[in-house]
């Protein structure tokens, strides 16, 4: 699973609002934005404000919507609670209920609107209002400024961060059960976030750490690396994106630059970085809500649509409505490559061995050697190197696919007869043949990570080339006898490549009026329908075969076909099965 950020667009301005308290989600369609002196309900897909309420006293924390009672709940003056229905026209005359302890935030816990106090106490809004004069007993030894709710063995556990970020307290059912010293000698804690019980911390040296919070692991846990793109950012805000990634927004006040990034905890790497002009001294990032990240910078709220790579296409529906390419304050920046390309070496084998001996992994070696070979159109060396390597970087795979689709015919003339190779068996729907096809299938035999391949495919393989590839691959899946060209080929790779390319160019497919795109996609649908029909027919044979096996009490042993289809006319076909 990967997350790609679409173009940022201005969601709304906060001018004359004196700052932002927070953003909370109402449902998949609406969010609630709390400014310092107003609360506004927005419809996300068209950035339309539905209703808004002002309060001269101002708000102390983000307001929430209590779905159970159909009311909005907010806090003013740190200890005054007010609630109102959507039909309310003014909050000035709404009754404010004063409690005896300062409130940290209002939140929805297990469907109930609840109050979290700065001293660590938690109670429902209903209980808080019925005991207004009762002083709330202290749960924590200090004052908290942040709270997170995590599940430990199906129990909801509250995790508080002290106001000076030096302590972390864990509270279970009103009882503090653990205290952690969250200081790291010589470095300042910039922000903390929780991703499925993993405590993620970012420090002033831009190193990011991950701690398995409910296991006895020493703080700050495992170092995942240093985020170079955040160098110079003195303030950073962080929020969980998915179960294995976090979004970050930092600002560098020296050159008025803001950096937005998505860090993948599994791969220990930044998936994508974006720049935005910003002088914001307190950067804030919220979400994801309604498939968008929300970024607060310089009296404006920006939204960044999230396209989830490697998921079903339905996950991307509607994202085209959230893209505005006309925002002038944005600067796009791809994560720079750390590999310097070299000229084609005189002795490829010796150079490859030397790089391996230096400890470079094969995917980094592919970044060094293969682009230079493509520049020289040396298909023989490319083929030799691919046959020697088990792992090729996703960026080079995308470049190789583009080269196979768009290279000149003479580049792939290797002395083999195209007729001998495929013309007798290849369906007319497949546009690629001969040496071009052999190199392409060798490329497709290499394993890849969809999370890394998606942005590279979007960058290096154009939509028309993607359609050409999909047309060829669908034809190959349709024609089983020519499906496999070497023993390492994995049939599922073809399907995965089609999925990645459709994800990469989904908006193009959705919006284009090109008849060729429709023709190719209809052909893919026909191939899918045919494969499903064949599978159903094969399913009818299963009861008959099982009956014969049981009849003769044959011991059936599993086996793997070296090829997806074997020729029944071959007199040795039984030997192929038994192998």
Protein backbone atom coordinates (compact mmCIF):
# COMPACT_ATOMS: atom_id res chain seq x y z
CA UNK A 1 0.00 0.00 0.00
CA UNK A 2 1.38 3.42 -0.91
CA UNK A 3 0.08 6.92 -0.50
CA UNK A 4 0.57 9.54 -3.19
CA UNK A 5 -0.27 13.19 -2.56
CA UNK A 6 -2.13 14.96 -5.34
CA UNK A 7 -1.68 18.65 -6.12
CA UNK A 8 -2.30 20.88 -3.11
CA UNK A 9 -5.13 23.35 -3.41
CA UNK A 10 -6.34 26.15 -1.19
CA UNK A 11 -9.22 24.77 0.83
CA UNK A 12 -10.16 27.95 2.70
CA UNK A 13 -8.64 31.10 4.14
CA UNK A 14 -8.40 31.80 7.86
CA UNK A 15 -7.86 35.53 7.58
CA UNK A 16 -9.64 37.53 10.28
CA UNK A 17 -10.02 34.27 12.26
CA UNK A 18 -6.93 34.81 14.46
CA UNK A 19 -5.64 31.27 14.03
CA UNK A 20 -6.77 27.67 13.94
CA UNK A 21 -7.70 25.39 16.85
CA UNK A 22 -8.15 22.16 14.92
CA UNK A 23 -10.00 20.07 12.35
CA UNK A 24 -12.23 17.11 13.16
CA UNK A 25 -14.09 14.72 10.87
CA UNK A 26 -17.87 14.50 11.04
CA UNK A 27 -18.22 11.71 8.46
CA UNK A 28 -16.78 10.75 5.07
CA UNK A 29 -18.34 13.83 3.49
CA UNK A 30 -18.01 16.64 6.05
CA UNK A 31 -15.35 18.10 8.36
CA UNK A 32 -15.59 20.59 11.22
CA UNK A 33 -12.99 23.38 11.24
CA UNK A 34 -12.53 25.30 14.51
CA UNK A 35 -10.90 28.69 14.20
CA UNK A 36 -10.11 30.83 17.23
CA UNK A 37 -13.45 32.62 17.09
CA UNK A 38 -15.67 30.55 14.80
CA UNK A 39 -16.63 26.99 13.89
CA UNK A 40 -17.43 26.07 10.28
CA UNK A 41 -18.82 22.87 8.78
CA UNK A 42 -17.39 22.15 5.31
CA UNK A 43 -18.34 19.75 2.55
CA UNK A 44 -14.94 18.43 1.49
CA UNK A 45 -15.50 17.50 -2.15
CA UNK A 46 -16.37 21.04 -3.25
CA UNK A 47 -14.83 23.00 -0.33
CA UNK A 48 -18.25 24.49 0.38
CA UNK A 49 -19.06 25.88 3.86
CA UNK A 50 -22.42 24.46 4.96
CA UNK A 51 -22.90 26.51 8.12
CA UNK A 52 -20.82 28.59 10.52
CA UNK A 53 -21.09 29.90 14.10
CA UNK A 54 -19.16 32.76 15.71
CA UNK A 55 -18.19 33.28 19.34
CA UNK A 56 -16.48 36.48 20.51
CA UNK A 57 -15.02 34.75 23.58
CA UNK A 58 -13.16 32.37 21.29
CA UNK A 59 -12.63 28.61 21.46
CA UNK A 60 -10.04 26.76 23.54
CA UNK A 61 -9.87 23.54 21.49
CA UNK A 62 -11.39 21.93 18.42
CA UNK A 63 -15.16 21.44 18.44
CA UNK A 64 -16.71 18.02 17.73
CA UNK A 65 -20.04 16.72 16.46
CA UNK A 66 -21.95 14.42 18.81
CA UNK A 67 -23.84 12.18 16.40
CA UNK A 68 -25.75 10.40 19.16
CA UNK A 69 -27.41 13.64 20.34
CA UNK A 70 -27.14 15.56 17.03
CA UNK A 71 -25.34 18.51 18.65
CA UNK A 72 -22.00 20.29 18.32
CA UNK A 73 -19.84 20.59 21.44
CA UNK A 74 -17.05 23.09 22.10
CA UNK A 75 -15.06 24.68 24.93
CA UNK A 76 -14.40 28.34 25.64
CA UNK A 77 -12.26 30.01 28.30
CA UNK A 78 -10.63 26.57 28.98
CA UNK A 79 -13.41 25.42 31.32
CA UNK A 80 -16.75 26.46 29.81
CA UNK A 81 -18.67 23.85 27.80
CA UNK A 82 -21.33 24.77 25.27
CA UNK A 83 -23.43 22.65 22.92
CA UNK A 84 -25.76 23.66 20.12
CA UNK A 85 -27.83 22.24 17.30
CA UNK A 86 -27.08 22.92 13.65
CA UNK A 87 -30.08 25.25 13.37
CA UNK A 88 -28.55 27.65 15.93
CA UNK A 89 -27.89 31.12 14.52
CA UNK A 90 -25.76 32.61 17.31
CA UNK A 91 -23.58 31.13 20.04
CA UNK A 92 -23.41 34.31 22.12
CA UNK A 93 -26.67 33.52 23.91
CA UNK A 94 -26.02 29.78 24.22
CA UNK A 95 -25.59 28.73 27.87
CA UNK A 96 -21.97 28.07 28.87
CA UNK A 97 -21.55 25.44 31.61
CA UNK A 98 -18.50 26.04 33.79
CA UNK A 99 -16.51 23.12 35.23
CA UNK A 100 -13.85 23.35 37.94
CA UNK A 101 -10.79 22.09 36.00
CA UNK A 102 -9.20 23.25 32.72
CA UNK A 103 -10.13 21.15 29.70
CA UNK A 104 -7.58 19.73 27.28
CA UNK A 105 -9.96 18.64 24.52
CA UNK A 106 -13.38 17.33 23.60
CA UNK A 107 -13.53 14.00 21.76
CA UNK A 108 -15.80 11.11 20.84
CA UNK A 109 -14.90 7.91 22.74
CA UNK A 110 -16.83 4.75 21.85
CA UNK A 111 -19.59 6.89 20.36
CA UNK A 112 -19.97 9.13 23.42
CA UNK A 113 -18.95 12.79 23.63
CA UNK A 114 -16.29 13.03 26.34
CA UNK A 115 -14.20 15.66 28.09
CA UNK A 116 -10.46 15.17 28.61
CA UNK A 117 -9.04 17.40 31.36
CA UNK A 118 -5.47 18.68 31.50
CA UNK A 119 -4.95 16.76 34.77
CA UNK A 120 -5.63 13.44 33.00
CA UNK A 121 -9.24 12.90 34.11
CA UNK A 122 -11.74 11.75 31.47
CA UNK A 123 -15.51 11.80 31.76
CA UNK A 124 -18.53 12.00 29.51
CA UNK A 125 -19.95 15.43 28.73
CA UNK A 126 -23.16 14.37 30.43
CA UNK A 127 -21.34 13.52 33.69
CA UNK A 128 -19.24 16.66 33.53
CA UNK A 129 -22.32 18.87 33.21
CA UNK A 130 -24.20 17.09 35.99
CA UNK A 131 -21.26 17.58 38.40
CA UNK A 132 -20.20 21.09 37.44
CA UNK A 133 -19.30 22.16 40.97
CA UNK A 134 -17.28 19.04 41.72
CA UNK A 135 -13.52 19.57 41.46
CA UNK A 136 -12.10 16.94 39.16
CA UNK A 137 -9.39 14.95 41.03
CA UNK A 138 -5.89 14.95 39.52
CA UNK A 139 -4.92 11.77 37.71
CA UNK A 140 -1.50 12.92 36.46
CA UNK A 141 1.40 14.38 38.47
CA UNK A 142 1.63 17.24 35.96
CA UNK A 143 -0.29 19.09 33.27
CA UNK A 144 -0.82 17.46 29.85
CA UNK A 145 -0.84 19.22 26.48
CA UNK A 146 -1.60 16.24 24.17
CA UNK A 147 -3.62 13.04 24.46
CA UNK A 148 -3.84 9.95 22.24
CA UNK A 149 -6.15 6.97 22.54
CA UNK A 150 -4.70 3.55 21.76
CA UNK A 151 -6.00 0.00 22.13
CA UNK A 152 -4.14 -2.54 24.25
CA UNK A 153 -5.79 -5.97 24.34
CA UNK A 154 -9.13 -4.44 23.27
CA UNK A 155 -8.95 -1.85 26.10
CA UNK A 156 -8.93 1.86 25.33
CA UNK A 157 -5.80 3.38 26.87
CA UNK A 158 -5.17 7.12 27.14
CA UNK A 159 -1.61 8.33 26.51
CA UNK A 160 -0.81 11.86 27.70
CA UNK A 161 2.16 14.03 26.76
CA UNK A 162 3.26 16.61 29.34
CA UNK A 163 3.15 20.30 28.49
CA UNK A 164 6.97 20.48 28.31
CA UNK A 165 7.17 17.20 26.31
CA UNK A 166 9.44 15.66 28.96
CA UNK A 167 7.02 13.01 30.23
CA UNK A 168 4.51 10.56 28.82
CA UNK A 169 1.83 9.03 31.03
CA UNK A 170 -0.39 6.03 30.30
CA UNK A 171 -3.82 6.01 31.97
CA UNK A 172 -6.13 2.97 32.12
CA UNK A 173 -9.64 3.55 33.44
CA UNK A 174 -8.58 6.66 35.36
CA UNK A 175 -5.48 5.04 36.89
CA UNK A 176 -1.95 5.99 35.74
CA UNK A 177 -0.10 2.75 35.00
CA UNK A 178 3.11 3.92 33.35
CA UNK A 179 5.39 6.95 33.12
CA UNK A 180 8.06 7.41 30.44
CA UNK A 181 10.83 9.99 30.33
CA UNK A 182 10.53 11.34 26.77
CA UNK A 183 13.76 13.30 26.73
CA UNK A 184 16.69 12.52 24.45
CA UNK A 185 19.94 14.05 25.58
CA UNK A 186 21.02 16.96 23.41
CA UNK A 187 17.96 16.98 21.15
CA UNK A 188 14.51 18.53 21.21
CA UNK A 189 11.34 16.53 20.56
CA UNK A 190 9.61 18.17 17.57
CA UNK A 191 6.46 16.06 17.50
CA UNK A 192 4.99 12.70 18.42
CA UNK A 193 2.32 10.54 16.82
CA UNK A 194 0.84 7.07 17.29
CA UNK A 195 0.36 4.55 14.49
CA UNK A 196 -1.41 1.41 15.72
CA UNK A 197 0.35 1.30 19.14
CA UNK A 198 3.64 2.41 17.60
CA UNK A 199 4.91 5.64 19.12
CA UNK A 200 6.64 7.66 16.38
CA UNK A 201 8.84 10.56 17.47
CA UNK A 202 10.69 13.16 15.40
CA UNK A 203 13.64 15.08 16.85
CA UNK A 204 15.54 18.29 16.20
CA UNK A 205 18.33 16.34 14.43
CA UNK A 206 15.57 15.14 12.02
CA UNK A 207 15.97 11.53 13.14
CA UNK A 208 12.73 9.58 13.39
CA UNK A 209 12.24 6.82 15.98
CA UNK A 210 9.59 4.12 16.41
CA UNK A 211 8.69 2.54 19.76
CA UNK A 212 6.44 -0.50 20.25
CA UNK A 213 4.59 1.30 23.01
CA UNK A 214 2.95 -1.54 24.94
CA UNK A 215 6.04 -3.74 24.94
CA UNK A 216 8.91 -3.22 27.34
CA UNK A 217 11.08 -1.36 24.87
CA UNK A 218 13.34 1.47 25.93
CA UNK A 219 12.39 4.96 24.75
CA UNK A 220 12.71 6.30 22.07
CA UNK A 221 12.88 2.86 20.43
CA UNK A 222 14.34 1.99 17.04
CA UNK A 223 15.86 4.70 14.85
CA UNK A 224 14.33 4.53 11.37
CA UNK A 225 16.70 7.06 9.83
CA UNK A 226 17.18 10.76 9.23
CA UNK A 227 14.74 12.75 7.07
CA UNK A 228 17.06 14.91 5.01
CA UNK A 229 14.24 16.86 3.37
CA UNK A 230 13.35 18.36 6.78
CA UNK A 231 16.82 19.85 7.34
CA UNK A 232 16.43 23.45 8.46
CA UNK A 233 12.84 22.96 9.66
CA UNK A 234 12.68 24.13 13.27
CA UNK A 235 8.99 23.25 13.67
CA UNK A 236 7.34 20.05 12.42
CA UNK A 237 3.82 18.65 12.77
CA UNK A 238 3.06 14.96 12.28
CA UNK A 239 -0.12 12.88 11.84
CA UNK A 240 -0.73 9.17 11.06
CA UNK A 241 -1.60 8.49 7.41
CA UNK A 242 -2.24 4.75 7.35
CA UNK A 243 -1.40 1.79 9.56
CA UNK A 244 2.25 2.04 8.45
CA UNK A 245 2.93 5.65 7.46
CA UNK A 246 2.92 9.19 8.85
CA UNK A 247 2.56 12.58 7.19
CA UNK A 248 4.86 15.45 8.19
CA UNK A 249 4.74 19.19 7.61
CA UNK A 250 7.72 21.33 8.59
CA UNK A 251 8.67 24.95 7.98
CA UNK A 252 12.06 26.59 7.60
CA UNK A 253 11.68 30.21 8.72
CA UNK A 254 15.06 31.17 7.25
CA UNK A 255 14.09 30.69 3.60
CA UNK A 256 10.29 30.73 4.08
CA UNK A 257 9.91 27.16 2.83
CA UNK A 258 7.54 24.47 3.99
CA UNK A 259 8.07 20.76 3.36
CA UNK A 260 5.31 18.13 3.25
CA UNK A 261 6.34 14.49 3.33
CA UNK A 262 4.94 10.99 3.73
CA UNK A 263 7.22 8.63 5.68
CA UNK A 264 6.70 4.87 5.34
CA UNK A 265 7.54 3.03 8.56
CA UNK A 266 7.92 -0.33 6.80
CA UNK A 267 10.40 0.87 4.19
CA UNK A 268 12.01 3.46 6.48
CA UNK A 269 11.89 6.02 3.71
CA UNK A 270 10.11 9.14 2.53
CA UNK A 271 7.68 8.14 -0.23
CA UNK A 272 7.05 11.64 -1.48
CA UNK A 273 8.02 15.22 -0.61
CA UNK A 274 6.41 18.48 -1.66
CA UNK A 275 7.42 22.09 -1.05
CA UNK A 276 5.19 25.03 -0.27
CA UNK A 277 6.14 28.65 0.41
CA UNK A 278 5.49 29.21 4.08
CA UNK A 279 6.54 31.50 6.94
CA UNK A 280 4.30 29.68 9.40
CA UNK A 281 5.90 29.52 12.86
CA UNK A 282 3.49 26.79 14.03
CA UNK A 283 2.88 24.37 11.14
CA UNK A 284 -0.10 22.05 11.58
CA UNK A 285 -1.21 18.98 9.64
CA UNK A 286 -4.50 17.13 10.18
CA UNK A 287 -6.17 14.05 8.80
CA UNK A 288 -6.46 12.18 6.70
CA UNK A 289 -10.14 13.13 6.46
CA UNK A 290 -12.25 12.28 3.41
CA UNK A 291 -9.09 11.09 1.59
CA UNK A 292 -7.33 14.44 2.12
CA UNK A 293 -4.56 15.79 4.28
CA UNK A 294 -5.18 19.31 5.61
CA UNK A 295 -2.26 21.69 6.14
CA UNK A 296 -2.43 25.01 7.96
CA UNK A 297 0.02 27.64 6.74
CA UNK A 298 -0.04 31.42 6.81
CA UNK A 299 -3.75 32.02 7.38
CA UNK A 300 -4.71 29.40 4.81
CA UNK A 301 -5.76 25.78 4.92
CA UNK A 302 -4.50 23.66 2.05
CA UNK A 303 -5.76 20.19 1.17
CA UNK A 304 -3.74 17.43 -0.47
CA UNK A 305 -5.73 14.55 -2.00
CA UNK A 306 -4.38 11.12 -1.10
CA UNK A 307 -4.20 8.52 -3.85
CA UNK A 308 -3.60 5.09 -2.34
CA UNK A 309 -1.31 3.11 -4.58
CA UNK A 310 -1.76 -0.63 -5.03
CA UNK A 311 -5.43 -0.54 -4.02
CA UNK A 312 -8.56 -1.11 -6.01
CA UNK A 313 -9.40 1.61 -8.52
CA UNK A 314 -12.57 2.45 -6.61
CA UNK A 315 -10.34 3.98 -3.92
CA UNK A 316 -9.43 6.73 -6.36
CA UNK A 317 -12.93 7.73 -7.40
CA UNK A 318 -13.57 11.42 -6.98
CA UNK A 319 -9.96 12.48 -6.49
CA UNK A 320 -10.00 14.30 -9.83
CA UNK A 321 -12.41 16.79 -8.27
CA UNK A 322 -9.83 17.71 -5.65
CA UNK A 323 -6.99 18.82 -7.90
CA UNK A 324 -6.27 22.42 -8.84
CA UNK A 325 -3.12 22.91 -10.87
CA UNK A 326 -3.35 26.71 -10.78
CA UNK A 327 -2.15 27.26 -7.19
CA UNK A 328 0.88 29.51 -7.69
CA UNK A 329 2.45 29.17 -4.24
CA UNK A 330 3.37 25.53 -4.79
CA UNK A 331 6.69 24.08 -5.83
CA UNK A 332 6.80 20.38 -6.63
CA UNK A 333 9.93 18.47 -5.75
CA UNK A 334 10.62 14.78 -6.28
CA UNK A 335 12.87 13.05 -3.78
CA UNK A 336 16.37 13.39 -5.29
CA UNK A 337 18.24 10.30 -6.33
CA UNK A 338 21.33 9.49 -4.30
CA UNK A 339 22.94 7.54 -7.17
CA UNK A 340 25.21 9.11 -9.74
CA UNK A 341 24.93 7.52 -13.19
CA UNK A 342 28.13 6.40 -14.87
CA UNK A 343 29.10 5.94 -18.49
CA UNK A 344 28.87 2.42 -19.91
CA UNK A 345 31.80 0.44 -18.50
CA UNK A 346 34.18 -1.32 -20.84
CA UNK A 347 33.97 -4.55 -18.86
CA UNK A 348 30.42 -4.87 -17.61
CA UNK A 349 30.94 -8.12 -15.74
CA UNK A 350 34.00 -6.84 -13.88
CA UNK A 351 32.29 -3.57 -12.96
CA UNK A 352 29.22 -5.41 -11.71
CA UNK A 353 31.37 -7.71 -9.55
CA UNK A 354 33.37 -4.75 -8.22
CA UNK A 355 30.22 -2.87 -7.18
CA UNK A 356 28.93 -5.99 -5.45
CA UNK A 357 32.21 -6.39 -3.58
CA UNK A 358 31.87 -2.80 -2.35
CA UNK A 359 28.65 -3.81 -0.59
CA UNK A 360 26.19 -2.09 -2.93
CA UNK A 361 22.84 -3.92 -3.22
CA UNK A 362 21.73 -5.01 -6.67
CA UNK A 363 18.95 -2.44 -6.90
CA UNK A 364 21.48 0.38 -6.37
CA UNK A 365 23.79 -1.18 -8.94
CA UNK A 366 20.90 -1.23 -11.41
CA UNK A 367 20.48 2.53 -10.84
CA UNK A 368 24.13 3.01 -11.80
CA UNK A 369 24.52 0.70 -14.81
CA UNK A 370 21.22 0.16 -16.59
CA UNK A 371 20.24 3.80 -17.44
CA UNK A 372 23.64 4.27 -19.09
CA UNK A 373 23.14 1.08 -21.12
CA UNK A 374 19.70 2.27 -22.23
CA UNK A 375 21.26 5.57 -23.31
CA UNK A 376 23.71 3.57 -25.47
CA UNK A 377 20.86 1.32 -26.74
CA UNK A 378 22.94 -1.71 -25.76
CA UNK A 379 20.14 -4.28 -25.54
CA UNK A 380 22.58 -7.21 -25.35
CA UNK A 381 24.30 -5.79 -22.25
CA UNK A 382 20.96 -4.87 -20.69
CA UNK A 383 19.73 -8.43 -21.20
CA UNK A 384 22.95 -9.91 -19.81
CA UNK A 385 22.81 -7.70 -16.73
CA UNK A 386 19.13 -8.41 -16.07
CA UNK A 387 19.79 -12.14 -16.26
CA UNK A 388 22.55 -11.70 -13.65
CA UNK A 389 20.45 -9.63 -11.23
CA UNK A 390 17.64 -10.78 -8.98
CA UNK A 391 16.59 -7.29 -7.86
CA UNK A 392 16.24 -4.13 -9.95
CA UNK A 393 15.10 -0.78 -8.58
CA UNK A 394 11.52 0.24 -9.35
CA UNK A 395 12.66 3.44 -11.09
CA UNK A 396 14.83 1.44 -13.51
CA UNK A 397 12.03 -1.09 -14.08
CA UNK A 398 9.72 1.74 -15.14
CA UNK A 399 12.42 3.19 -17.42
CA UNK A 400 13.03 -0.23 -18.97
CA UNK A 401 9.35 -0.78 -19.69
CA UNK A 402 9.17 2.63 -21.34
CA UNK A 403 12.28 1.79 -23.38
CA UNK A 404 10.82 -1.55 -24.49
CA UNK A 405 7.65 0.21 -25.61
CA UNK A 406 9.24 3.20 -27.34
CA UNK A 407 12.71 2.05 -28.44
CA UNK A 408 13.50 1.84 -32.15
CA UNK A 409 12.99 -1.50 -33.89
CA UNK A 410 16.66 -1.86 -34.86
CA UNK A 411 17.64 -1.68 -31.16
CA UNK A 412 15.94 -5.05 -30.61
CA UNK A 413 17.24 -6.84 -33.72
CA UNK A 414 19.24 -9.64 -32.16
CA UNK A 415 19.24 -12.19 -34.92
CA UNK A 416 16.20 -14.09 -33.69
CA UNK A 417 13.30 -14.55 -36.04
CA UNK A 418 10.17 -12.76 -34.94
CA UNK A 419 8.10 -15.36 -36.77
CA UNK A 420 9.78 -18.21 -34.93
CA UNK A 421 9.26 -16.42 -31.66
CA UNK A 422 5.63 -15.53 -31.62
CA UNK A 423 3.81 -14.72 -34.82
CA UNK A 424 2.24 -18.15 -35.09
CA UNK A 425 0.70 -18.07 -31.65
CA UNK A 426 0.42 -14.42 -30.64
CA UNK A 427 -3.05 -12.92 -31.02
CA UNK A 428 -3.40 -9.92 -33.32
CA UNK A 429 -4.33 -7.79 -30.27
CA UNK A 430 -0.72 -7.91 -29.00
CA UNK A 431 1.37 -5.09 -30.53
CA UNK A 432 4.83 -6.26 -29.37
CA UNK A 433 6.91 -9.05 -30.86
CA UNK A 434 10.45 -10.35 -31.22
CA UNK A 435 13.41 -9.07 -29.23
CA UNK A 436 11.34 -6.19 -27.87
CA UNK A 437 8.92 -8.65 -26.32
CA UNK A 438 11.68 -10.91 -24.96
CA UNK A 439 13.34 -8.00 -23.15
CA UNK A 440 10.01 -6.77 -21.82
CA UNK A 441 9.18 -10.20 -20.37
CA UNK A 442 12.62 -10.36 -18.77
CA UNK A 443 11.91 -7.00 -17.13
CA UNK A 444 8.51 -8.21 -15.95
CA UNK A 445 10.07 -11.26 -14.32
CA UNK A 446 11.78 -9.04 -11.75
CA UNK A 447 10.07 -8.63 -8.35
CA UNK A 448 8.98 -5.18 -7.30
CA UNK A 449 7.19 -3.27 -4.57
CA UNK A 450 3.95 -1.65 -5.74
CA UNK A 451 4.43 1.07 -3.12
CA UNK A 452 7.68 2.14 -4.86
CA UNK A 453 6.71 1.34 -8.44
CA UNK A 454 3.56 3.47 -8.59
CA UNK A 455 5.23 6.94 -8.54
CA UNK A 456 7.96 5.75 -10.91
CA UNK A 457 5.39 4.36 -13.36
CA UNK A 458 3.52 7.65 -13.25
CA UNK A 459 6.77 9.52 -13.88
CA UNK A 460 8.37 7.45 -16.66
CA UNK A 461 5.52 5.63 -18.45
CA UNK A 462 3.16 7.94 -20.32
CA UNK A 463 -0.59 7.15 -20.51
CA UNK A 464 -0.37 6.09 -24.22
CA UNK A 465 2.56 3.79 -23.40
CA UNK A 466 0.61 2.39 -20.45
CA UNK A 467 -2.27 1.54 -22.79
CA UNK A 468 0.16 -0.14 -25.21
CA UNK A 469 1.62 -2.19 -22.36
CA UNK A 470 -1.82 -3.17 -21.03
CA UNK A 471 -2.94 -4.22 -24.51
CA UNK A 472 0.12 -6.45 -24.93
CA UNK A 473 -0.04 -7.94 -21.44
CA UNK A 474 -3.76 -8.74 -21.71
CA UNK A 475 -3.09 -10.47 -25.02
CA UNK A 476 -0.34 -12.53 -23.37
CA UNK A 477 -2.69 -13.57 -20.57
CA UNK A 478 -5.23 -14.52 -23.23
CA UNK A 479 -2.70 -16.67 -25.10
CA UNK A 480 -1.37 -19.15 -22.55
CA UNK A 481 0.99 -21.02 -24.89
CA UNK A 482 3.23 -17.97 -25.17
CA UNK A 483 2.81 -16.71 -21.66
CA UNK A 484 6.15 -17.78 -20.22
CA UNK A 485 9.53 -17.06 -21.74
CA UNK A 486 11.80 -18.12 -18.86
CA UNK A 487 11.55 -20.26 -15.77
CA UNK A 488 11.65 -17.28 -13.36
CA UNK A 489 8.67 -15.55 -14.88
CA UNK A 490 5.80 -14.98 -12.42
CA UNK A 491 2.41 -14.74 -14.11
CA UNK A 492 0.99 -12.59 -11.33
CA UNK A 493 3.58 -9.94 -12.18
CA UNK A 494 1.68 -9.13 -15.38
CA UNK A 495 -1.56 -8.64 -13.49
CA UNK A 496 0.21 -6.51 -10.87
CA UNK A 497 1.79 -4.35 -13.57
CA UNK A 498 -1.61 -3.77 -15.19
CA UNK A 499 -3.01 -2.80 -11.78
CA UNK A 500 -0.15 -0.37 -11.06
CA UNK A 501 -0.39 1.31 -14.47
CA UNK A 502 -4.16 1.68 -14.25
CA UNK A 503 -3.74 3.19 -10.77
CA UNK A 504 -0.99 5.51 -12.04
CA UNK A 505 -3.08 6.84 -14.93
CA UNK A 506 -6.57 6.37 -13.56
CA UNK A 507 -7.59 9.99 -13.95
CA UNK A 508 -6.37 9.97 -17.55
CA UNK A 509 -8.50 6.88 -18.27
CA UNK A 510 -11.45 8.48 -16.51
CA UNK A 511 -11.32 11.83 -18.27
CA UNK A 512 -9.96 11.06 -21.74
CA UNK A 513 -12.19 10.86 -24.79
CA UNK A 514 -9.63 8.79 -26.72
CA UNK A 515 -11.35 5.89 -28.45
CA UNK A 516 -8.15 3.83 -28.32
CA UNK A 517 -8.25 3.83 -24.52
CA UNK A 518 -11.82 2.53 -24.56
CA UNK A 519 -10.86 -0.17 -27.08
CA UNK A 520 -7.92 -1.38 -24.96
CA UNK A 521 -9.91 -1.45 -21.74
CA UNK A 522 -12.79 -3.29 -23.42
CA UNK A 523 -10.25 -5.86 -24.61
CA UNK A 524 -8.96 -6.28 -21.05
CA UNK A 525 -12.52 -6.80 -19.83
CA UNK A 526 -13.05 -9.44 -22.52
CA UNK A 527 -9.87 -11.26 -21.40
CA UNK A 528 -11.00 -11.14 -17.77
CA UNK A 529 -14.43 -12.52 -18.68
CA UNK A 530 -12.82 -15.29 -20.73
CA UNK A 531 -10.48 -16.28 -17.89
CA UNK A 532 -13.41 -16.38 -15.44
CA UNK A 533 -15.41 -18.54 -17.87
CA UNK A 534 -12.48 -20.96 -18.28
CA UNK A 535 -12.06 -21.19 -14.52
CA UNK A 536 -15.73 -22.06 -14.10
CA UNK A 537 -15.45 -24.79 -16.73
CA UNK A 538 -12.39 -26.24 -15.02
CA UNK A 539 -14.31 -26.18 -11.75
CA UNK A 540 -16.83 -28.61 -13.23
CA UNK A 541 -14.06 -31.19 -13.65
CA UNK A 542 -13.07 -31.15 -10.00
CA UNK A 543 -15.84 -33.42 -8.61
CA UNK A 544 -15.20 -35.99 -11.37
CA UNK A 545 -11.43 -36.07 -10.75
CA UNK A 546 -11.87 -36.24 -6.97
CA UNK A 547 -14.26 -39.17 -7.43
CA UNK A 548 -11.69 -41.08 -9.52
CA UNK A 549 -8.89 -40.34 -7.05
CA UNK A 550 -10.95 -41.57 -4.10
CA UNK A 551 -12.18 -44.60 -6.08
CA UNK A 552 -8.68 -45.93 -6.60
CA UNK A 553 -7.41 -44.53 -3.27
CA UNK A 554 -4.66 -42.73 -5.11
CA UNK A 555 -2.43 -40.55 -3.05
CA UNK A 556 -2.56 -37.18 -4.68
CA UNK A 557 0.61 -35.15 -4.36
CA UNK A 558 0.74 -31.45 -5.12
CA UNK A 559 2.94 -30.26 -7.94
CA UNK A 560 3.84 -26.99 -9.60
CA UNK A 561 3.75 -26.45 -13.35
CA UNK A 562 6.91 -24.97 -14.77
CA UNK A 563 4.61 -23.35 -17.34
CA UNK A 564 1.03 -22.23 -16.96
CA UNK A 565 -0.04 -24.31 -19.98
CA UNK A 566 1.66 -27.48 -21.22
CA UNK A 567 1.09 -28.99 -24.71
CA UNK A 568 -1.06 -32.10 -24.42
CA UNK A 569 0.18 -33.19 -27.84
CA UNK A 570 3.73 -33.45 -26.52
CA UNK A 571 4.48 -37.18 -25.94
CA UNK A 572 6.43 -36.15 -22.81
CA UNK A 573 3.60 -34.15 -21.28
CA UNK A 574 3.14 -36.72 -18.51
CA UNK A 575 6.78 -36.23 -17.51
CA UNK A 576 6.16 -32.47 -17.36
CA UNK A 577 3.29 -33.04 -14.90
CA UNK A 578 5.19 -35.51 -12.75
CA UNK A 579 8.11 -33.11 -12.38
